[in-house]
Amino acid sequence: MRDGKDLAARDAKRDLGAELLASVKAMKANEAARVTEVAPTLAAEARTKTEL
């Protein structure tokens, strides 16, 4: 595990503004880094059908 000094040194080299801007552009272009699909449970399907 990294200690605080290692993390601070790593973070000092990062350009968070550029990283965030790149992330927003990727989201707007619908370029997801990962896609998570969750299968609904039987109970959730029943609630949807009965509009609960």
N, C-alpha and C. Protein backbone atom coordinates (compact mmCIF):
# COMPACT_ATOMS: atom_id res chain seq x y z
N MET A 1 0.85 -1.18 0.00
CA MET A 1 0.00 0.00 0.00
C MET A 1 0.90 1.25 0.00
N ARG A 2 0.45 2.25 -0.66
CA ARG A 2 1.23 3.49 -0.74
C ARG A 2 1.02 4.34 0.49
N ASP A 3 2.07 5.05 0.86
CA ASP A 3 1.92 5.97 1.99
C ASP A 3 1.57 7.36 1.45
N GLY A 4 1.36 8.29 2.34
CA GLY A 4 0.93 9.63 1.96
C GLY A 4 1.91 10.37 1.07
N LYS A 5 3.21 10.15 1.30
CA LYS A 5 4.21 10.85 0.50
C LYS A 5 4.20 10.35 -0.94
N ASP A 6 4.05 9.03 -1.12
CA ASP A 6 3.99 8.48 -2.47
C ASP A 6 2.78 9.02 -3.23
N LEU A 7 1.65 9.06 -2.56
CA LEU A 7 0.43 9.56 -3.20
C LEU A 7 0.55 11.04 -3.54
N ALA A 8 1.12 11.80 -2.63
CA ALA A 8 1.28 13.23 -2.87
C ALA A 8 2.21 13.47 -4.06
N ALA A 9 3.29 12.69 -4.15
CA ALA A 9 4.23 12.84 -5.27
C ALA A 9 3.55 12.47 -6.59
N ARG A 10 2.75 11.42 -6.57
CA ARG A 10 2.03 11.01 -7.78
C ARG A 10 1.02 12.09 -8.18
N ASP A 11 0.27 12.57 -7.22
CA ASP A 11 -0.76 13.55 -7.52
C ASP A 11 -0.19 14.88 -7.98
N ALA A 12 1.02 15.22 -7.54
CA ALA A 12 1.65 16.47 -7.95
C ALA A 12 1.94 16.48 -9.44
N LYS A 13 2.09 15.32 -10.03
CA LYS A 13 2.41 15.21 -11.46
C LYS A 13 1.15 15.16 -12.33
N ARG A 14 -0.01 15.03 -11.72
CA ARG A 14 -1.24 14.87 -12.47
C ARG A 14 -1.85 16.23 -12.82
N ASP A 15 -2.53 16.27 -13.96
CA ASP A 15 -3.30 17.45 -14.36
C ASP A 15 -4.77 17.05 -14.26
N LEU A 16 -5.34 17.25 -13.09
CA LEU A 16 -6.71 16.81 -12.85
C LEU A 16 -7.71 17.50 -13.77
N GLY A 17 -7.47 18.75 -14.08
CA GLY A 17 -8.38 19.47 -14.97
C GLY A 17 -8.44 18.81 -16.34
N ALA A 18 -7.29 18.44 -16.88
CA ALA A 18 -7.24 17.77 -18.19
C ALA A 18 -7.87 16.39 -18.12
N GLU A 19 -7.65 15.67 -17.01
CA GLU A 19 -8.25 14.35 -16.86
C GLU A 19 -9.77 14.45 -16.79
N LEU A 20 -10.27 15.43 -16.05
CA LEU A 20 -11.72 15.60 -15.95
C LEU A 20 -12.33 16.01 -17.28
N LEU A 21 -11.67 16.91 -17.98
CA LEU A 21 -12.16 17.34 -19.28
C LEU A 21 -12.21 16.17 -20.26
N ALA A 22 -11.19 15.34 -20.27
CA ALA A 22 -11.17 14.16 -21.14
C ALA A 22 -12.30 13.20 -20.77
N SER A 23 -12.57 13.05 -19.48
CA SER A 23 -13.65 12.18 -19.03
C SER A 23 -15.01 12.70 -19.48
N VAL A 24 -15.21 14.00 -19.36
CA VAL A 24 -16.49 14.59 -19.78
C VAL A 24 -16.67 14.43 -21.29
N LYS A 25 -15.62 14.66 -22.04
CA LYS A 25 -15.71 14.49 -23.50
C LYS A 25 -16.03 13.05 -23.87
N ALA A 26 -15.44 12.10 -23.16
CA ALA A 26 -15.71 10.68 -23.43
C ALA A 26 -17.17 10.35 -23.10
N MET A 27 -17.68 10.91 -22.00
CA MET A 27 -19.08 10.65 -21.63
C MET A 27 -20.03 11.23 -22.67
N LYS A 28 -19.74 12.45 -23.12
CA LYS A 28 -20.60 13.09 -24.11
C LYS A 28 -20.57 12.35 -25.45
N ALA A 29 -19.43 11.71 -25.75
CA ALA A 29 -19.30 10.94 -26.99
C ALA A 29 -19.83 9.52 -26.81
N ASN A 30 -20.40 9.23 -25.62
CA ASN A 30 -20.96 7.92 -25.31
C ASN A 30 -19.89 6.82 -25.37
N GLU A 31 -18.70 7.15 -24.93
CA GLU A 31 -17.60 6.19 -24.88
C GLU A 31 -17.38 5.79 -23.42
N ALA A 32 -18.17 4.83 -22.98
CA ALA A 32 -18.09 4.41 -21.59
C ALA A 32 -16.82 3.61 -21.34
N ALA A 33 -16.22 3.85 -20.19
CA ALA A 33 -15.03 3.08 -19.80
C ALA A 33 -15.43 1.66 -19.44
N ARG A 34 -16.63 1.51 -18.90
CA ARG A 34 -17.16 0.18 -18.58
C ARG A 34 -18.67 0.25 -18.60
N VAL A 35 -19.27 -0.88 -18.85
CA VAL A 35 -20.73 -0.98 -18.87
C VAL A 35 -21.12 -2.06 -17.87
N THR A 36 -22.00 -1.71 -16.95
CA THR A 36 -22.46 -2.65 -15.95
C THR A 36 -23.92 -2.97 -16.22
N GLU A 37 -24.20 -4.23 -16.41
CA GLU A 37 -25.58 -4.66 -16.64
C GLU A 37 -26.04 -5.45 -15.42
N VAL A 38 -27.17 -5.07 -14.88
CA VAL A 38 -27.71 -5.72 -13.71
C VAL A 38 -29.02 -6.39 -14.11
N ALA A 39 -29.09 -7.69 -13.88
CA ALA A 39 -30.32 -8.42 -14.19
C ALA A 39 -31.32 -8.17 -13.07
N PRO A 40 -32.54 -7.77 -13.43
CA PRO A 40 -33.54 -7.51 -12.39
C PRO A 40 -33.98 -8.81 -11.71
N THR A 41 -34.26 -8.72 -10.43
CA THR A 41 -34.76 -9.88 -9.70
C THR A 41 -36.22 -10.11 -10.08
N LEU A 42 -36.72 -11.27 -9.72
CA LEU A 42 -38.14 -11.56 -9.98
C LEU A 42 -39.03 -10.56 -9.27
N ALA A 43 -38.67 -10.18 -8.06
CA ALA A 43 -39.46 -9.22 -7.30
C ALA A 43 -39.48 -7.86 -8.00
N ALA A 44 -38.35 -7.44 -8.53
CA ALA A 44 -38.29 -6.16 -9.23
C ALA A 44 -39.13 -6.20 -10.50
N GLU A 45 -39.08 -7.30 -11.21
CA GLU A 45 -39.91 -7.43 -12.42
C GLU A 45 -41.38 -7.38 -12.07
N ALA A 46 -41.77 -8.03 -10.98
CA ALA A 46 -43.17 -8.03 -10.54
C ALA A 46 -43.60 -6.61 -10.18
N ARG A 47 -42.75 -5.87 -9.49
CA ARG A 47 -43.07 -4.49 -9.11
C ARG A 47 -43.25 -3.62 -10.35
N THR A 48 -42.42 -3.84 -11.34
CA THR A 48 -42.51 -3.07 -12.58
C THR A 48 -43.82 -3.36 -13.30
N LYS A 49 -44.18 -4.62 -13.36
CA LYS A 49 -45.41 -5.01 -14.05
C LYS A 49 -46.65 -4.47 -13.35
N THR A 50 -46.61 -4.42 -12.01
CA THR A 50 -47.76 -3.93 -11.26
C THR A 50 -47.67 -2.43 -10.99
N GLU A 51 -46.62 -1.79 -11.52
CA GLU A 51 -46.39 -0.36 -11.38
C GLU A 51 -46.30 0.10 -9.94
N LEU A 52 -45.65 -0.69 -9.10
CA LEU A 52 -45.45 -0.30 -7.69
C LEU A 52 -44.20 0.53 -7.55
